[in-house]
Amino acid sequence: MEYEQRIQLRNGKEAVIRNGNETDGKTVFEVFNRTHAETDYLLSYPEENSFDPEQEAQFLKEKTISSNETELVAVIDGKIAGTAGIEAVGNKYKVKHRAEFGISVLKEYWGLGLGKALTMACIQCARDAGYDQLELNVVAENERALSLYRTLGFVEFGRNPRGFNSKNTGYQELIYMRLQL
């Protein structure tokens, strides 16, 4: 699924949101590891990254040619500042209307509107792919993310009080959210 958009950030800089491609593999691998070290709100820790740079490149290539999944990168001043993507929940009839959303942005780019732009791009991609529902889960104490998701129309449909087990803080409650497309 191909996508490209230029946006202006709150600091006046331009960002390009586009498909990650095979040549971005090493950089996206590095950005993944940095973003997952900078916050305790993401699913995994850097040492749990299941890809190496070559596998990341292949993953990006596959998402670009997919008709219903994508992995986007946000590029500012020639540097990848964040990633976001959608994946099918499954291909069985009963779940093929649903997609899952994930996002991560380097801390130095927080507060510029990049997370909102990446989220909106993924919402558009999910619509274009024909999904009826986009889903995510978010750590309950991540107020910035919760506010963004609610602003964009996501609604809570459940909670798991022991959804994550953080190395730093112990159990974290997860809020399950969905957006009807």
C-alpha atoms as a PDB file:
ATOM      1  CA  MET A   1       0.000   0.000   0.000  1.00  0.00           C
ATOM      2  CA  GLU A   2       1.645   3.194  -1.132  1.00  0.00           C
ATOM      3  CA  TYR A   3       1.354   6.513   0.674  1.00  0.00           C
ATOM      4  CA  GLU A   4       3.089   9.900   0.620  1.00  0.00           C
ATOM      5  CA  GLN A   5       2.180  13.243   2.156  1.00  0.00           C
ATOM      6  CA  ARG A   6       4.000  16.427   3.115  1.00  0.00           C
ATOM      7  CA  ILE A   7       2.981  18.239   6.278  1.00  0.00           C
ATOM      8  CA  GLN A   8       4.140  21.284   8.193  1.00  0.00           C
ATOM      9  CA  LEU A   9       5.020  20.700  11.835  1.00  0.00           C
ATOM     10  CA  ARG A  10       4.401  23.069  14.765  1.00  0.00           C
ATOM     11  CA  ASN A  11       8.036  24.195  14.614  1.00  0.00           C
ATOM     12  CA  GLY A  12       7.623  25.243  10.943  1.00  0.00           C
ATOM     13  CA  LYS A  13       9.654  22.360   9.518  1.00  0.00           C
ATOM     14  CA  GLU A  14       8.306  20.088   6.817  1.00  0.00           C
ATOM     15  CA  ALA A  15       7.891  16.368   7.318  1.00  0.00           C
ATOM     16  CA  VAL A  16       7.336  13.786   4.625  1.00  0.00           C
ATOM     17  CA  ILE A  17       5.228  10.815   5.593  1.00  0.00           C
ATOM     18  CA  ARG A  18       5.816   7.966   3.180  1.00  0.00           C
ATOM     19  CA  ASN A  19       6.165   4.243   2.935  1.00  0.00           C
ATOM     20  CA  GLY A  20       9.254   2.843   4.487  1.00  0.00           C
ATOM     21  CA  ASN A  21      11.188   1.109   1.758  1.00  0.00           C
ATOM     22  CA  GLU A  22      13.891  -1.498   1.528  1.00  0.00           C
ATOM     23  CA  THR A  23      16.693   1.073   1.659  1.00  0.00           C
ATOM     24  CA  ASP A  24      15.330   2.382   4.996  1.00  0.00           C
ATOM     25  CA  GLY A  25      15.855  -0.985   6.708  1.00  0.00           C
ATOM     26  CA  LYS A  26      18.986  -0.153   8.709  1.00  0.00           C
ATOM     27  CA  THR A  27      17.723   3.273   9.772  1.00  0.00           C
ATOM     28  CA  VAL A  28      14.257   2.015  10.745  1.00  0.00           C
ATOM     29  CA  PHE A  29      15.931  -0.754  12.753  1.00  0.00           C
ATOM     30  CA  GLU A  30      17.971   1.895  14.611  1.00  0.00           C
ATOM     31  CA  VAL A  31      14.952   4.181  15.120  1.00  0.00           C
ATOM     32  CA  PHE A  32      12.930   1.242  16.470  1.00  0.00           C
ATOM     33  CA  ASN A  33      15.619   0.508  19.027  1.00  0.00           C
ATOM     34  CA  ARG A  34      15.907   4.186  20.058  1.00  0.00           C
ATOM     35  CA  THR A  35      12.165   4.776  20.398  1.00  0.00           C
ATOM     36  CA  HIS A  36      11.752   1.593  22.410  1.00  0.00           C
ATOM     37  CA  ALA A  37      14.527   2.737  24.768  1.00  0.00           C
ATOM     38  CA  GLU A  38      13.103   6.259  25.187  1.00  0.00           C
ATOM     39  CA  THR A  39       9.696   5.330  26.623  1.00  0.00           C
ATOM     40  CA  ASP A  40       8.191   2.586  28.712  1.00  0.00           C
ATOM     41  CA  TYR A  41       4.858   2.787  26.857  1.00  0.00           C
ATOM     42  CA  LEU A  42       5.739   0.570  23.876  1.00  0.00           C
ATOM     43  CA  LEU A  43       5.263  -3.200  23.627  1.00  0.00           C
ATOM     44  CA  SER A  44       8.908  -4.226  23.764  1.00  0.00           C
ATOM     45  CA  TYR A  45      12.417  -3.270  24.794  1.00  0.00           C
ATOM     46  CA  PRO A  46      15.226  -2.728  22.256  1.00  0.00           C
ATOM     47  CA  GLU A  47      16.890  -6.040  23.146  1.00  0.00           C
ATOM     48  CA  GLU A  48      13.640  -7.794  22.233  1.00  0.00           C
ATOM     49  CA  ASN A  49      13.684  -6.546  18.650  1.00  0.00           C
ATOM     50  CA  SER A  50      13.019  -9.647  16.583  1.00  0.00           C
ATOM     51  CA  PHE A  51      14.481  -8.141  13.380  1.00  0.00           C
ATOM     52  CA  ASP A  52      17.968  -7.357  12.202  1.00  0.00           C
ATOM     53  CA  PRO A  53      18.473  -4.571   9.618  1.00  0.00           C
ATOM     54  CA  GLU A  54      18.106  -6.969   6.671  1.00  0.00           C
ATOM     55  CA  GLN A  55      14.870  -8.421   8.032  1.00  0.00           C
ATOM     56  CA  GLU A  56      13.584  -4.894   8.639  1.00  0.00           C
ATOM     57  CA  ALA A  57      14.341  -4.041   5.002  1.00  0.00           C
ATOM     58  CA  GLN A  58      12.393  -7.080   3.832  1.00  0.00           C
ATOM     59  CA  PHE A  59       9.491  -6.218   6.155  1.00  0.00           C
ATOM     60  CA  LEU A  60       9.330  -2.681   4.726  1.00  0.00           C
ATOM     61  CA  LYS A  61       9.437  -4.015   1.170  1.00  0.00           C
ATOM     62  CA  GLU A  62       6.560  -6.402   1.881  1.00  0.00           C
ATOM     63  CA  LYS A  63       4.435  -3.680   3.499  1.00  0.00           C
ATOM     64  CA  THR A  64       4.921  -1.396   0.489  1.00  0.00           C
ATOM     65  CA  ILE A  65       3.600  -3.994  -1.946  1.00  0.00           C
ATOM     66  CA  SER A  66       0.792  -5.145   0.380  1.00  0.00           C
ATOM     67  CA  SER A  67      -2.757  -4.184  -0.547  1.00  0.00           C
ATOM     68  CA  ASN A  68      -3.972  -3.992   3.060  1.00  0.00           C
ATOM     69  CA  GLU A  69      -0.990  -3.343   5.349  1.00  0.00           C
ATOM     70  CA  THR A  70       1.573  -0.571   5.523  1.00  0.00           C
ATOM     71  CA  GLU A  71       4.554   0.734   7.474  1.00  0.00           C
ATOM     72  CA  LEU A  72       5.068   4.472   7.187  1.00  0.00           C
ATOM     73  CA  VAL A  73       8.076   6.588   8.091  1.00  0.00           C
ATOM     74  CA  ALA A  74       8.143  10.281   8.931  1.00  0.00           C
ATOM     75  CA  VAL A  75      11.185  12.054   7.501  1.00  0.00           C
ATOM     76  CA  ILE A  76      12.362  15.442   8.780  1.00  0.00           C
ATOM     77  CA  ASP A  77      15.504  17.076   7.380  1.00  0.00           C
ATOM     78  CA  GLY A  78      16.406  13.774   5.742  1.00  0.00           C
ATOM     79  CA  LYS A  79      16.163  11.809   9.009  1.00  0.00           C
ATOM     80  CA  ILE A  80      13.546   9.242   9.982  1.00  0.00           C
ATOM     81  CA  ALA A  81      11.848  10.660  13.082  1.00  0.00           C
ATOM     82  CA  GLY A  82       9.149   8.057  13.606  1.00  0.00           C
ATOM     83  CA  THR A  83       7.232   5.131  12.202  1.00  0.00           C
ATOM     84  CA  ALA A  84       3.627   3.958  12.217  1.00  0.00           C
ATOM     85  CA  GLY A  85       1.738   1.156  10.576  1.00  0.00           C
ATOM     86  CA  ILE A  86      -1.357  -0.945  10.218  1.00  0.00           C
ATOM     87  CA  GLU A  87      -1.579  -4.713  10.126  1.00  0.00           C
ATOM     88  CA  ALA A  88      -4.499  -7.025   9.547  1.00  0.00           C
ATOM     89  CA  VAL A  89      -5.832  -8.707  12.671  1.00  0.00           C
ATOM     90  CA  GLY A  90      -6.241 -11.792  10.482  1.00  0.00           C
ATOM     91  CA  ASN A  91      -7.444 -13.014   7.110  1.00  0.00           C
ATOM     92  CA  LYS A  92     -10.352 -15.128   8.327  1.00  0.00           C
ATOM     93  CA  TYR A  93     -13.783 -13.798   7.395  1.00  0.00           C
ATOM     94  CA  LYS A  94     -14.766 -13.013  10.991  1.00  0.00           C
ATOM     95  CA  VAL A  95     -11.793 -10.681  11.584  1.00  0.00           C
ATOM     96  CA  LYS A  96     -10.741  -9.427   8.163  1.00  0.00           C
ATOM     97  CA  HIS A  97     -12.622  -6.154   8.765  1.00  0.00           C
ATOM     98  CA  ARG A  98     -10.181  -5.237  11.572  1.00  0.00           C
ATOM     99  CA  ALA A  99      -6.683  -3.751  11.526  1.00  0.00           C
ATOM    100  CA  GLU A 100      -4.233  -2.988  14.335  1.00  0.00           C
ATOM    101  CA  PHE A 101      -2.333   0.294  14.597  1.00  0.00           C
ATOM    102  CA  GLY A 102       1.092   0.967  16.090  1.00  0.00           C
ATOM    103  CA  ILE A 103       3.280   4.063  16.278  1.00  0.00           C
ATOM    104  CA  SER A 104       6.568   5.286  17.702  1.00  0.00           C
ATOM    105  CA  VAL A 105       8.232   8.699  17.448  1.00  0.00           C
ATOM    106  CA  LEU A 106      11.715   9.680  18.583  1.00  0.00           C
ATOM    107  CA  LYS A 107      11.503  11.743  21.779  1.00  0.00           C
ATOM    108  CA  GLU A 108      13.240  14.757  20.236  1.00  0.00           C
ATOM    109  CA  TYR A 109      10.255  15.099  17.867  1.00  0.00           C
ATOM    110  CA  TRP A 110       7.485  14.837  20.483  1.00  0.00           C
ATOM    111  CA  GLY A 111       5.074  17.771  20.666  1.00  0.00           C
ATOM    112  CA  LEU A 112       5.403  18.822  17.001  1.00  0.00           C
ATOM    113  CA  GLY A 113       2.238  17.171  15.662  1.00  0.00           C
ATOM    114  CA  LEU A 114       4.102  14.271  14.102  1.00  0.00           C
ATOM    115  CA  GLY A 115       2.239  11.618  16.088  1.00  0.00           C
ATOM    116  CA  LYS A 116      -1.083  13.075  15.005  1.00  0.00           C
ATOM    117  CA  ALA A 117       0.003  13.221  11.363  1.00  0.00           C
ATOM    118  CA  LEU A 118       1.239   9.618  11.397  1.00  0.00           C
ATOM    119  CA  THR A 119      -1.952   8.448  13.097  1.00  0.00           C
ATOM    120  CA  MET A 120      -4.144  10.274  10.584  1.00  0.00           C
ATOM    121  CA  ALA A 121      -2.102   8.789   7.725  1.00  0.00           C
ATOM    122  CA  CYS A 122      -2.646   5.283   9.108  1.00  0.00           C
ATOM    123  CA  ILE A 123      -6.371   5.958   9.510  1.00  0.00           C
ATOM    124  CA  GLN A 124      -6.502   6.947   5.844  1.00  0.00           C
ATOM    125  CA  CYS A 125      -4.537   3.859   4.822  1.00  0.00           C
ATOM    126  CA  ALA A 126      -6.909   1.649   6.835  1.00  0.00           C
ATOM    127  CA  ARG A 127      -9.894   3.229   5.091  1.00  0.00           C
ATOM    128  CA  ASP A 128      -8.235   2.851   1.693  1.00  0.00           C
ATOM    129  CA  ALA A 129      -7.571  -0.824   2.448  1.00  0.00           C
ATOM    130  CA  GLY A 130     -11.268  -1.357   3.150  1.00  0.00           C
ATOM    131  CA  TYR A 131     -11.117  -1.983   6.894  1.00  0.00           C
ATOM    132  CA  ASP A 132     -14.164  -1.183   9.021  1.00  0.00           C
ATOM    133  CA  GLN A 133     -12.308  -0.908  12.325  1.00  0.00           C
ATOM    134  CA  LEU A 134      -8.856   0.240  13.447  1.00  0.00           C
ATOM    135  CA  GLU A 135      -7.652  -0.916  16.870  1.00  0.00           C
ATOM    136  CA  LEU A 136      -4.853  -0.074  19.271  1.00  0.00           C
ATOM    137  CA  ASN A 137      -3.903  -0.502  22.871  1.00  0.00           C
ATOM    138  CA  VAL A 138      -2.312   2.200  24.978  1.00  0.00           C
ATOM    139  CA  VAL A 139      -0.840   2.313  28.482  1.00  0.00           C
ATOM    140  CA  ALA A 140      -3.454   4.001  30.697  1.00  0.00           C
ATOM    141  CA  GLU A 141      -0.978   6.495  32.152  1.00  0.00           C
ATOM    142  CA  ASN A 142       0.060   7.710  28.664  1.00  0.00           C
ATOM    143  CA  GLU A 143      -2.222  10.757  28.779  1.00  0.00           C
ATOM    144  CA  ARG A 144      -0.739  12.420  25.684  1.00  0.00           C
ATOM    145  CA  ALA A 145      -1.468   9.404  23.519  1.00  0.00           C
ATOM    146  CA  LEU A 146      -4.930   8.909  25.025  1.00  0.00           C
ATOM    147  CA  SER A 147      -5.817  12.523  24.339  1.00  0.00           C
ATOM    148  CA  LEU A 148      -4.656  12.244  20.723  1.00  0.00           C
ATOM    149  CA  TYR A 149      -6.561   9.034  20.081  1.00  0.00           C
ATOM    150  CA  ARG A 150      -9.752  10.379  21.642  1.00  0.00           C
ATOM    151  CA  THR A 151      -9.458  13.590  19.602  1.00  0.00           C
ATOM    152  CA  LEU A 152      -9.269  11.493  16.429  1.00  0.00           C
ATOM    153  CA  GLY A 153     -12.385   9.505  17.358  1.00  0.00           C
ATOM    154  CA  PHE A 154     -11.013   6.358  18.985  1.00  0.00           C
ATOM    155  CA  VAL A 155     -13.180   5.025  21.815  1.00  0.00           C
ATOM    156  CA  GLU A 156     -12.312   2.728  24.680  1.00  0.00           C
ATOM    157  CA  PHE A 157     -13.752  -0.775  24.572  1.00  0.00           C
ATOM    158  CA  GLY A 158     -11.931  -2.477  27.415  1.00  0.00           C
ATOM    159  CA  ARG A 159      -9.055  -2.528  29.867  1.00  0.00           C
ATOM    160  CA  ASN A 160      -6.478  -4.997  31.053  1.00  0.00           C
ATOM    161  CA  PRO A 161      -5.125  -3.948  34.470  1.00  0.00           C
ATOM    162  CA  ARG A 162      -2.028  -6.136  34.027  1.00  0.00           C
ATOM    163  CA  GLY A 163      -1.588  -5.739  30.274  1.00  0.00           C
ATOM    164  CA  PHE A 164       2.135  -4.939  30.367  1.00  0.00           C
ATOM    165  CA  ASN A 165       4.727  -5.916  32.947  1.00  0.00           C
ATOM    166  CA  SER A 166       7.268  -3.101  32.892  1.00  0.00           C
ATOM    167  CA  LYS A 167      10.836  -3.724  34.016  1.00  0.00           C
ATOM    168  CA  ASN A 168      10.724  -0.231  35.557  1.00  0.00           C
ATOM    169  CA  THR A 169       7.308   0.169  37.169  1.00  0.00           C
ATOM    170  CA  GLY A 170       5.691  -3.253  37.334  1.00  0.00           C
ATOM    171  CA  TYR A 171       2.269  -3.881  35.867  1.00  0.00           C
ATOM    172  CA  GLN A 172       0.785  -1.273  33.532  1.00  0.00           C
ATOM    173  CA  GLU A 173      -2.907  -1.087  32.674  1.00  0.00           C
ATOM    174  CA  LEU A 174      -3.718  -1.235  28.961  1.00  0.00           C
ATOM    175  CA  ILE A 175      -6.700   0.510  27.429  1.00  0.00           C
ATOM    176  CA  TYR A 176      -8.091  -1.100  24.286  1.00  0.00           C
ATOM    177  CA  MET A 177      -9.396   1.449  21.780  1.00  0.00           C
ATOM    178  CA  ARG A 178     -11.046   1.247  18.386  1.00  0.00           C
ATOM    179  CA  LEU A 179     -12.074   3.593  15.612  1.00  0.00           C
ATOM    180  CA  GLN A 180     -15.008   2.737  13.404  1.00  0.00           C
ATOM    181  CA  LEU A 181     -13.980   3.691   9.864  1.00  0.00           C
END
